[in-house]
Amino acid sequence: MRPIREVEKLPPRVMLYGVEGIGKTTFGASAPKPIFVLTEDGLGDLDVAHFPLAKSYDEVRRALCYVRDEAHDFETIVVDSLDWLERLIHDYVCAEHNVSTIERVDGGYGRGYVAALKVWREVIGILDEIRAQRRMIVVGIAHAKVERFEDPEAPAYDRYSPRLHKTSAALVTEWMDAVLFAHWRFAVRTETGNFGKTRGVAVASKTDCERVIRVSGGPTCVAKNRYGLTGELPLSWDAFAKAIGY
């Protein structure tokens, strides 16, 4: 076997997570020729191609295999959402072990989440095949949660992260080329109250705030990318694609 230096440029793998109603699904729908694998009913009135709402992991797997194996002209596969997919994966694992909750799988002690990782790896494997064989962009949508982060070099603090169990979150975020946090950037005005005291007030109106994505991590959120991006971008697929030169 001889070493090689050629770099194969494949389509991006992107996770977008954020607060409710900010436009995560619209982001995926704006990618080139998308097909949605739905695990929750969140499309609203968006007119995009999609599979029927999946109610089991087997249905998700069949949809993924269809995109991988059948003839079509889609250029992006969107999984909406990853955290609802995780629920289906947990249900699948529970059924395999004939238990009622993931905590009881194989006697407990976290073994259920380890078993779920095997299913997550199957999902990632199929998505990698779709990306490599069909040259399709992969977009994963997720909701956000606030978690306590125990920083070994500083006092513990709260930050936003994808609403996934820590084991699956670690696997999925490591696999992604970009993990983007969508949030509102508010204008803050200073108001003077009683006794001359001042306070900052966040203003949430269409003219005083905007939707943005954080592309690199920090104390407030989990985020990363393999494209050398820093700071924030407007919340739009076009802005992200332009920033990474895709």
C-alpha atoms as a PDB file:
ATOM      1  CA  MET A   1       0.000   0.000   0.000  1.00  0.00           C
ATOM      2  CA  ARG A   2       1.360   3.417  -1.004  1.00  0.00           C
ATOM      3  CA  PRO A   3       0.563   6.673   0.791  1.00  0.00           C
ATOM      4  CA  ILE A   4      -1.525   9.203  -1.112  1.00  0.00           C
ATOM      5  CA  ARG A   5      -1.838  12.976  -0.914  1.00  0.00           C
ATOM      6  CA  GLU A   6      -4.935  13.590  -3.008  1.00  0.00           C
ATOM      7  CA  VAL A   7      -7.747  15.295  -1.120  1.00  0.00           C
ATOM      8  CA  GLU A   8     -11.281  14.328  -2.152  1.00  0.00           C
ATOM      9  CA  LYS A   9     -13.656  17.220  -1.598  1.00  0.00           C
ATOM     10  CA  LEU A  10     -17.014  15.863  -0.511  1.00  0.00           C
ATOM     11  CA  PRO A  11     -20.232  17.778   0.204  1.00  0.00           C
ATOM     12  CA  PRO A  12     -20.529  19.228   3.722  1.00  0.00           C
ATOM     13  CA  ARG A  13     -22.095  17.505   6.721  1.00  0.00           C
ATOM     14  CA  VAL A  14     -23.871  20.159   8.745  1.00  0.00           C
ATOM     15  CA  MET A  15     -25.785  20.155  12.013  1.00  0.00           C
ATOM     16  CA  LEU A  16     -27.932  23.196  12.751  1.00  0.00           C
ATOM     17  CA  TYR A  17     -29.488  23.420  16.181  1.00  0.00           C
ATOM     18  CA  GLY A  18     -31.192  26.272  17.964  1.00  0.00           C
ATOM     19  CA  VAL A  19     -34.145  27.682  19.794  1.00  0.00           C
ATOM     20  CA  GLU A  20     -37.763  27.063  18.806  1.00  0.00           C
ATOM     21  CA  GLY A  21     -39.179  28.789  15.745  1.00  0.00           C
ATOM     22  CA  ILE A  22     -35.996  30.481  14.584  1.00  0.00           C
ATOM     23  CA  GLY A  23     -35.947  28.905  11.114  1.00  0.00           C
ATOM     24  CA  LYS A  24     -33.931  25.703  11.381  1.00  0.00           C
ATOM     25  CA  THR A  25     -36.140  23.766   8.965  1.00  0.00           C
ATOM     26  CA  THR A  26     -36.151  26.680   6.513  1.00  0.00           C
ATOM     27  CA  PHE A  27     -32.333  26.556   6.548  1.00  0.00           C
ATOM     28  CA  GLY A  28     -32.437  22.919   5.415  1.00  0.00           C
ATOM     29  CA  ALA A  29     -35.155  23.614   2.875  1.00  0.00           C
ATOM     30  CA  SER A  30     -32.962  26.327   1.301  1.00  0.00           C
ATOM     31  CA  ALA A  31     -30.128  23.887   0.555  1.00  0.00           C
ATOM     32  CA  PRO A  32     -29.856  22.591  -3.044  1.00  0.00           C
ATOM     33  CA  LYS A  33     -32.684  20.194  -4.044  1.00  0.00           C
ATOM     34  CA  PRO A  34     -33.448  18.845  -0.557  1.00  0.00           C
ATOM     35  CA  ILE A  35     -35.285  15.690   0.448  1.00  0.00           C
ATOM     36  CA  PHE A  36     -36.455  15.566   4.074  1.00  0.00           C
ATOM     37  CA  VAL A  37     -36.464  12.526   6.339  1.00  0.00           C
ATOM     38  CA  LEU A  38     -39.018  13.621   8.933  1.00  0.00           C
ATOM     39  CA  THR A  39     -39.051  12.371  12.506  1.00  0.00           C
ATOM     40  CA  GLU A  40     -41.252  15.250  13.686  1.00  0.00           C
ATOM     41  CA  ASP A  41     -44.041  17.207  12.058  1.00  0.00           C
ATOM     42  CA  GLY A  42     -42.247  20.523  11.581  1.00  0.00           C
ATOM     43  CA  LEU A  43     -42.411  21.352   7.867  1.00  0.00           C
ATOM     44  CA  GLY A  44     -45.401  23.633   8.209  1.00  0.00           C
ATOM     45  CA  ASP A  45     -46.245  25.150   4.820  1.00  0.00           C
ATOM     46  CA  LEU A  46     -42.778  24.612   3.312  1.00  0.00           C
ATOM     47  CA  ASP A  47     -43.153  23.080  -0.149  1.00  0.00           C
ATOM     48  CA  VAL A  48     -40.293  20.560  -0.197  1.00  0.00           C
ATOM     49  CA  ALA A  49     -39.937  16.876  -1.039  1.00  0.00           C
ATOM     50  CA  HIS A  50     -40.160  14.619   1.993  1.00  0.00           C
ATOM     51  CA  PHE A  51     -40.904  11.117   3.147  1.00  0.00           C
ATOM     52  CA  PRO A  52     -43.973  10.471   5.311  1.00  0.00           C
ATOM     53  CA  LEU A  53     -43.466  11.234   8.990  1.00  0.00           C
ATOM     54  CA  ALA A  54     -41.392   8.350  10.412  1.00  0.00           C
ATOM     55  CA  LYS A  55     -42.880   6.695  13.481  1.00  0.00           C
ATOM     56  CA  SER A  56     -40.161   4.076  13.949  1.00  0.00           C
ATOM     57  CA  TYR A  57     -36.439   3.676  13.378  1.00  0.00           C
ATOM     58  CA  ASP A  58     -37.125   1.064  10.691  1.00  0.00           C
ATOM     59  CA  GLU A  59     -39.053   3.680   8.685  1.00  0.00           C
ATOM     60  CA  VAL A  60     -36.134   6.109   9.003  1.00  0.00           C
ATOM     61  CA  ARG A  61     -33.706   3.455   7.845  1.00  0.00           C
ATOM     62  CA  ARG A  62     -35.859   2.592   4.823  1.00  0.00           C
ATOM     63  CA  ALA A  63     -35.980   6.272   3.840  1.00  0.00           C
ATOM     64  CA  LEU A  64     -32.216   6.627   4.134  1.00  0.00           C
ATOM     65  CA  CYS A  65     -31.629   3.481   2.085  1.00  0.00           C
ATOM     66  CA  TYR A  66     -34.016   4.744  -0.594  1.00  0.00           C
ATOM     67  CA  VAL A  67     -31.989   7.937  -0.959  1.00  0.00           C
ATOM     68  CA  ARG A  68     -28.797   5.900  -1.128  1.00  0.00           C
ATOM     69  CA  ASP A  69     -29.967   3.201  -3.536  1.00  0.00           C
ATOM     70  CA  GLU A  70     -32.739   4.513  -5.800  1.00  0.00           C
ATOM     71  CA  ALA A  71     -32.557   6.845  -8.806  1.00  0.00           C
ATOM     72  CA  HIS A  72     -33.336  10.507  -8.029  1.00  0.00           C
ATOM     73  CA  ASP A  73     -31.961  14.016  -8.572  1.00  0.00           C
ATOM     74  CA  PHE A  74     -31.887  15.276  -4.963  1.00  0.00           C
ATOM     75  CA  GLU A  75     -28.720  17.009  -3.841  1.00  0.00           C
ATOM     76  CA  THR A  76     -29.303  17.385  -0.087  1.00  0.00           C
ATOM     77  CA  ILE A  77     -30.679  15.014   2.530  1.00  0.00           C
ATOM     78  CA  VAL A  78     -32.138  16.681   5.636  1.00  0.00           C
ATOM     79  CA  VAL A  79     -32.878  14.753   8.838  1.00  0.00           C
ATOM     80  CA  ASP A  80     -35.430  16.776  10.805  1.00  0.00           C
ATOM     81  CA  SER A  81     -34.885  16.329  13.636  1.00  0.00           C
ATOM     82  CA  LEU A  82     -31.981  14.457  15.198  1.00  0.00           C
ATOM     83  CA  ASP A  83     -33.377  14.614  18.727  1.00  0.00           C
ATOM     84  CA  TRP A  84     -36.690  13.096  17.627  1.00  0.00           C
ATOM     85  CA  LEU A  85     -34.693  10.480  15.721  1.00  0.00           C
ATOM     86  CA  GLU A  86     -32.966   9.691  19.004  1.00  0.00           C
ATOM     87  CA  ARG A  87     -36.357   8.918  20.563  1.00  0.00           C
ATOM     88  CA  LEU A  88     -37.088   6.455  17.767  1.00  0.00           C
ATOM     89  CA  ILE A  89     -33.664   4.881  18.244  1.00  0.00           C
ATOM     90  CA  HIS A  90     -34.307   4.479  21.966  1.00  0.00           C
ATOM     91  CA  ASP A  91     -37.703   2.905  21.242  1.00  0.00           C
ATOM     92  CA  TYR A  92     -35.997   0.523  18.811  1.00  0.00           C
ATOM     93  CA  VAL A  93     -33.356  -0.486  21.370  1.00  0.00           C
ATOM     94  CA  CYS A  94     -35.992  -0.926  24.089  1.00  0.00           C
ATOM     95  CA  ALA A  95     -38.041  -3.197  21.824  1.00  0.00           C
ATOM     96  CA  GLU A  96     -34.967  -5.295  21.024  1.00  0.00           C
ATOM     97  CA  HIS A  97     -34.317  -5.813  24.753  1.00  0.00           C
ATOM     98  CA  ASN A  98     -37.992  -6.085  25.746  1.00  0.00           C
ATOM     99  CA  VAL A  99     -37.822  -3.264  28.299  1.00  0.00           C
ATOM    100  CA  SER A 100     -39.919  -0.143  28.796  1.00  0.00           C
ATOM    101  CA  THR A 101     -37.177   2.513  29.073  1.00  0.00           C
ATOM    102  CA  ILE A 102     -33.652   2.994  27.778  1.00  0.00           C
ATOM    103  CA  GLU A 103     -32.411   3.082  31.378  1.00  0.00           C
ATOM    104  CA  ARG A 104     -33.370  -0.604  31.819  1.00  0.00           C
ATOM    105  CA  VAL A 105     -31.592  -1.990  28.772  1.00  0.00           C
ATOM    106  CA  ASP A 106     -29.189  -4.805  29.646  1.00  0.00           C
ATOM    107  CA  GLY A 107     -29.548  -4.162  33.368  1.00  0.00           C
ATOM    108  CA  GLY A 108     -29.083  -0.402  33.275  1.00  0.00           C
ATOM    109  CA  TYR A 109     -25.948   1.502  34.295  1.00  0.00           C
ATOM    110  CA  GLY A 110     -25.915   3.389  30.982  1.00  0.00           C
ATOM    111  CA  ARG A 111     -25.804   0.270  28.821  1.00  0.00           C
ATOM    112  CA  GLY A 112     -28.892   1.409  26.937  1.00  0.00           C
ATOM    113  CA  TYR A 113     -27.130   4.493  25.639  1.00  0.00           C
ATOM    114  CA  VAL A 114     -24.177   2.358  24.570  1.00  0.00           C
ATOM    115  CA  ALA A 115     -26.569   0.089  22.668  1.00  0.00           C
ATOM    116  CA  ALA A 116     -28.148   3.157  21.055  1.00  0.00           C
ATOM    117  CA  LEU A 117     -24.718   4.231  19.796  1.00  0.00           C
ATOM    118  CA  LYS A 118     -24.606   1.123  17.620  1.00  0.00           C
ATOM    119  CA  VAL A 119     -27.790   2.274  15.895  1.00  0.00           C
ATOM    120  CA  TRP A 120     -26.467   5.827  15.577  1.00  0.00           C
ATOM    121  CA  ARG A 121     -23.356   4.420  13.879  1.00  0.00           C
ATOM    122  CA  GLU A 122     -25.595   2.636  11.385  1.00  0.00           C
ATOM    123  CA  VAL A 123     -27.340   5.943  10.612  1.00  0.00           C
ATOM    124  CA  ILE A 124     -24.013   7.710  10.193  1.00  0.00           C
ATOM    125  CA  GLY A 125     -22.725   4.884   7.997  1.00  0.00           C
ATOM    126  CA  ILE A 126     -25.674   5.161   5.605  1.00  0.00           C
ATOM    127  CA  LEU A 127     -25.417   8.950   5.520  1.00  0.00           C
ATOM    128  CA  ASP A 128     -21.707   8.663   4.728  1.00  0.00           C
ATOM    129  CA  GLU A 129     -22.557   6.354   1.835  1.00  0.00           C
ATOM    130  CA  ILE A 130     -25.164   8.842   0.577  1.00  0.00           C
ATOM    131  CA  ARG A 131     -22.609  11.628   0.793  1.00  0.00           C
ATOM    132  CA  ALA A 132     -19.828   9.686  -0.937  1.00  0.00           C
ATOM    133  CA  GLN A 133     -21.795   7.699  -3.524  1.00  0.00           C
ATOM    134  CA  ARG A 134     -24.522  10.211  -4.382  1.00  0.00           C
ATOM    135  CA  ARG A 135     -22.474  13.360  -3.686  1.00  0.00           C
ATOM    136  CA  MET A 136     -25.221  14.758  -1.467  1.00  0.00           C
ATOM    137  CA  ILE A 137     -25.047  17.377   1.272  1.00  0.00           C
ATOM    138  CA  VAL A 138     -26.074  16.074   4.697  1.00  0.00           C
ATOM    139  CA  VAL A 139     -28.009  18.401   7.016  1.00  0.00           C
ATOM    140  CA  GLY A 140     -29.139  17.416  10.507  1.00  0.00           C
ATOM    141  CA  ILE A 141     -31.598  19.642  12.376  1.00  0.00           C
ATOM    142  CA  ALA A 142     -31.825  19.614  16.178  1.00  0.00           C
ATOM    143  CA  HIS A 143     -33.386  21.556  18.998  1.00  0.00           C
ATOM    144  CA  ALA A 144     -31.323  23.252  21.687  1.00  0.00           C
ATOM    145  CA  LYS A 145     -31.091  22.699  25.405  1.00  0.00           C
ATOM    146  CA  VAL A 146     -29.265  24.510  28.190  1.00  0.00           C
ATOM    147  CA  GLU A 147     -26.798  22.270  30.009  1.00  0.00           C
ATOM    148  CA  ARG A 148     -24.415  22.747  32.897  1.00  0.00           C
ATOM    149  CA  PHE A 149     -20.824  22.495  31.675  1.00  0.00           C
ATOM    150  CA  GLU A 150     -18.154  21.512  34.178  1.00  0.00           C
ATOM    151  CA  ASP A 151     -15.072  23.309  32.883  1.00  0.00           C
ATOM    152  CA  PRO A 152     -11.878  21.891  34.457  1.00  0.00           C
ATOM    153  CA  GLU A 153     -10.150  25.277  34.078  1.00  0.00           C
ATOM    154  CA  ALA A 154     -12.969  27.559  35.253  1.00  0.00           C
ATOM    155  CA  PRO A 155     -16.129  27.567  37.378  1.00  0.00           C
ATOM    156  CA  ALA A 156     -19.074  25.614  35.923  1.00  0.00           C
ATOM    157  CA  TYR A 157     -21.408  27.537  33.634  1.00  0.00           C
ATOM    158  CA  ASP A 158     -24.525  27.050  31.489  1.00  0.00           C
ATOM    159  CA  ARG A 159     -24.323  26.754  27.718  1.00  0.00           C
ATOM    160  CA  TYR A 160     -26.509  25.781  24.765  1.00  0.00           C
ATOM    161  CA  SER A 161     -26.009  22.340  23.237  1.00  0.00           C
ATOM    162  CA  PRO A 162     -27.942  20.004  20.908  1.00  0.00           C
ATOM    163  CA  ARG A 163     -30.846  18.272  22.656  1.00  0.00           C
ATOM    164  CA  LEU A 164     -29.258  14.827  22.526  1.00  0.00           C
ATOM    165  CA  HIS A 165     -27.924  12.466  25.167  1.00  0.00           C
ATOM    166  CA  LYS A 166     -24.274  13.251  25.846  1.00  0.00           C
ATOM    167  CA  THR A 167     -23.007  10.001  24.310  1.00  0.00           C
ATOM    168  CA  SER A 168     -24.857  10.395  21.011  1.00  0.00           C
ATOM    169  CA  ALA A 169     -24.184  14.151  20.965  1.00  0.00           C
ATOM    170  CA  ALA A 170     -20.441  13.481  21.177  1.00  0.00           C
ATOM    171  CA  LEU A 171     -20.595  10.977  18.316  1.00  0.00           C
ATOM    172  CA  VAL A 172     -22.750  13.074  16.000  1.00  0.00           C
ATOM    173  CA  THR A 173     -21.016  16.411  16.582  1.00  0.00           C
ATOM    174  CA  GLU A 174     -17.585  14.844  16.031  1.00  0.00           C
ATOM    175  CA  TRP A 175     -18.782  13.375  12.719  1.00  0.00           C
ATOM    176  CA  MET A 176     -20.218  16.638  11.419  1.00  0.00           C
ATOM    177  CA  ASP A 177     -18.055  19.073   9.445  1.00  0.00           C
ATOM    178  CA  ALA A 178     -19.940  21.994  10.976  1.00  0.00           C
ATOM    179  CA  VAL A 179     -22.087  22.309  14.092  1.00  0.00           C
ATOM    180  CA  LEU A 180     -23.972  25.605  13.975  1.00  0.00           C
ATOM    181  CA  PHE A 181     -25.969  27.259  16.745  1.00  0.00           C
ATOM    182  CA  ALA A 182     -28.904  29.395  15.576  1.00  0.00           C
ATOM    183  CA  HIS A 183     -30.038  32.184  17.878  1.00  0.00           C
ATOM    184  CA  TRP A 184     -31.455  35.687  18.005  1.00  0.00           C
ATOM    185  CA  ARG A 185     -29.020  38.560  18.287  1.00  0.00           C
ATOM    186  CA  PHE A 186     -30.921  41.111  20.310  1.00  0.00           C
ATOM    187  CA  ALA A 187     -30.405  44.815  20.649  1.00  0.00           C
ATOM    188  CA  VAL A 188     -30.012  45.810  24.301  1.00  0.00           C
ATOM    189  CA  ARG A 189     -31.239  49.173  25.475  1.00  0.00           C
ATOM    190  CA  THR A 190     -30.473  50.851  28.760  1.00  0.00           C
ATOM    191  CA  GLU A 191     -33.439  52.022  30.812  1.00  0.00           C
ATOM    192  CA  THR A 192     -33.441  54.169  33.924  1.00  0.00           C
ATOM    193  CA  GLY A 193     -35.739  52.973  36.689  1.00  0.00           C
ATOM    194  CA  ASN A 194     -36.532  53.993  40.224  1.00  0.00           C
ATOM    195  CA  PHE A 195     -33.905  55.889  42.198  1.00  0.00           C
ATOM    196  CA  GLY A 196     -31.864  56.470  39.036  1.00  0.00           C
ATOM    197  CA  LYS A 197     -30.845  52.819  38.665  1.00  0.00           C
ATOM    198  CA  THR A 198     -30.166  51.601  35.142  1.00  0.00           C
ATOM    199  CA  ARG A 199     -30.732  48.178  33.668  1.00  0.00           C
ATOM    200  CA  GLY A 200     -30.252  46.476  30.301  1.00  0.00           C
ATOM    201  CA  VAL A 201     -33.393  45.418  28.483  1.00  0.00           C
ATOM    202  CA  ALA A 202     -33.339  43.039  25.489  1.00  0.00           C
ATOM    203  CA  VAL A 203     -35.527  44.284  22.657  1.00  0.00           C
ATOM    204  CA  ALA A 204     -37.239  41.558  20.620  1.00  0.00           C
ATOM    205  CA  SER A 205     -38.715  43.187  17.535  1.00  0.00           C
ATOM    206  CA  LYS A 206     -38.114  42.621  13.836  1.00  0.00           C
ATOM    207  CA  THR A 207     -36.209  45.876  13.587  1.00  0.00           C
ATOM    208  CA  ASP A 208     -34.035  45.395  16.672  1.00  0.00           C
ATOM    209  CA  CYS A 209     -32.890  41.767  16.403  1.00  0.00           C
ATOM    210  CA  GLU A 210     -31.700  39.358  13.748  1.00  0.00           C
ATOM    211  CA  ARG A 211     -31.274  35.629  13.292  1.00  0.00           C
ATOM    212  CA  VAL A 212     -27.661  34.471  13.190  1.00  0.00           C
ATOM    213  CA  ILE A 213     -25.643  31.273  13.429  1.00  0.00           C
ATOM    214  CA  ARG A 214     -22.621  30.837  15.666  1.00  0.00           C
ATOM    215  CA  VAL A 215     -19.985  28.902  13.730  1.00  0.00           C
ATOM    216  CA  SER A 216     -17.365  28.400  16.437  1.00  0.00           C
ATOM    217  CA  GLY A 217     -17.739  27.328  20.046  1.00  0.00           C
ATOM    218  CA  GLY A 218     -17.319  29.268  23.252  1.00  0.00           C
ATOM    219  CA  PRO A 219     -18.688  29.526  26.779  1.00  0.00           C
ATOM    220  CA  THR A 220     -22.262  30.107  25.573  1.00  0.00           C
ATOM    221  CA  CYS A 221     -22.750  27.256  23.106  1.00  0.00           C
ATOM    222  CA  VAL A 222     -21.400  24.135  21.420  1.00  0.00           C
ATOM    223  CA  ALA A 223     -20.310  24.954  17.869  1.00  0.00           C
ATOM    224  CA  LYS A 224     -17.469  24.066  15.500  1.00  0.00           C
ATOM    225  CA  ASN A 225     -16.468  23.858  11.876  1.00  0.00           C
ATOM    226  CA  ARG A 226     -13.656  22.456   9.737  1.00  0.00           C
ATOM    227  CA  TYR A 227     -13.609  25.421   7.372  1.00  0.00           C
ATOM    228  CA  GLY A 228     -11.733  27.969   9.460  1.00  0.00           C
ATOM    229  CA  LEU A 229     -14.821  30.106  10.103  1.00  0.00           C
ATOM    230  CA  THR A 230     -15.124  32.265  13.198  1.00  0.00           C
ATOM    231  CA  GLY A 231     -17.783  34.478  14.735  1.00  0.00           C
ATOM    232  CA  GLU A 232     -21.300  34.620  13.325  1.00  0.00           C
ATOM    233  CA  LEU A 233     -23.098  34.438   9.993  1.00  0.00           C
ATOM    234  CA  PRO A 234     -26.632  35.349   8.961  1.00  0.00           C
ATOM    235  CA  LEU A 235     -29.011  32.425   9.411  1.00  0.00           C
ATOM    236  CA  SER A 236     -29.314  31.322   5.789  1.00  0.00           C
ATOM    237  CA  TRP A 237     -28.024  28.446   3.717  1.00  0.00           C
ATOM    238  CA  ASP A 238     -26.685  30.849   1.067  1.00  0.00           C
ATOM    239  CA  ALA A 239     -24.611  32.754   3.639  1.00  0.00           C
ATOM    240  CA  PHE A 240     -23.123  29.534   5.011  1.00  0.00           C
ATOM    241  CA  ALA A 241     -22.422  28.046   1.572  1.00  0.00           C
ATOM    242  CA  LYS A 242     -20.724  31.248   0.439  1.00  0.00           C
ATOM    243  CA  ALA A 243     -18.592  31.336   3.611  1.00  0.00           C
ATOM    244  CA  ILE A 244     -17.270  27.803   3.037  1.00  0.00           C
ATOM    245  CA  GLY A 245     -16.890  28.292  -0.708  1.00  0.00           C
ATOM    246  CA  TYR A 246     -19.372  25.595  -1.668  1.00  0.00           C
END
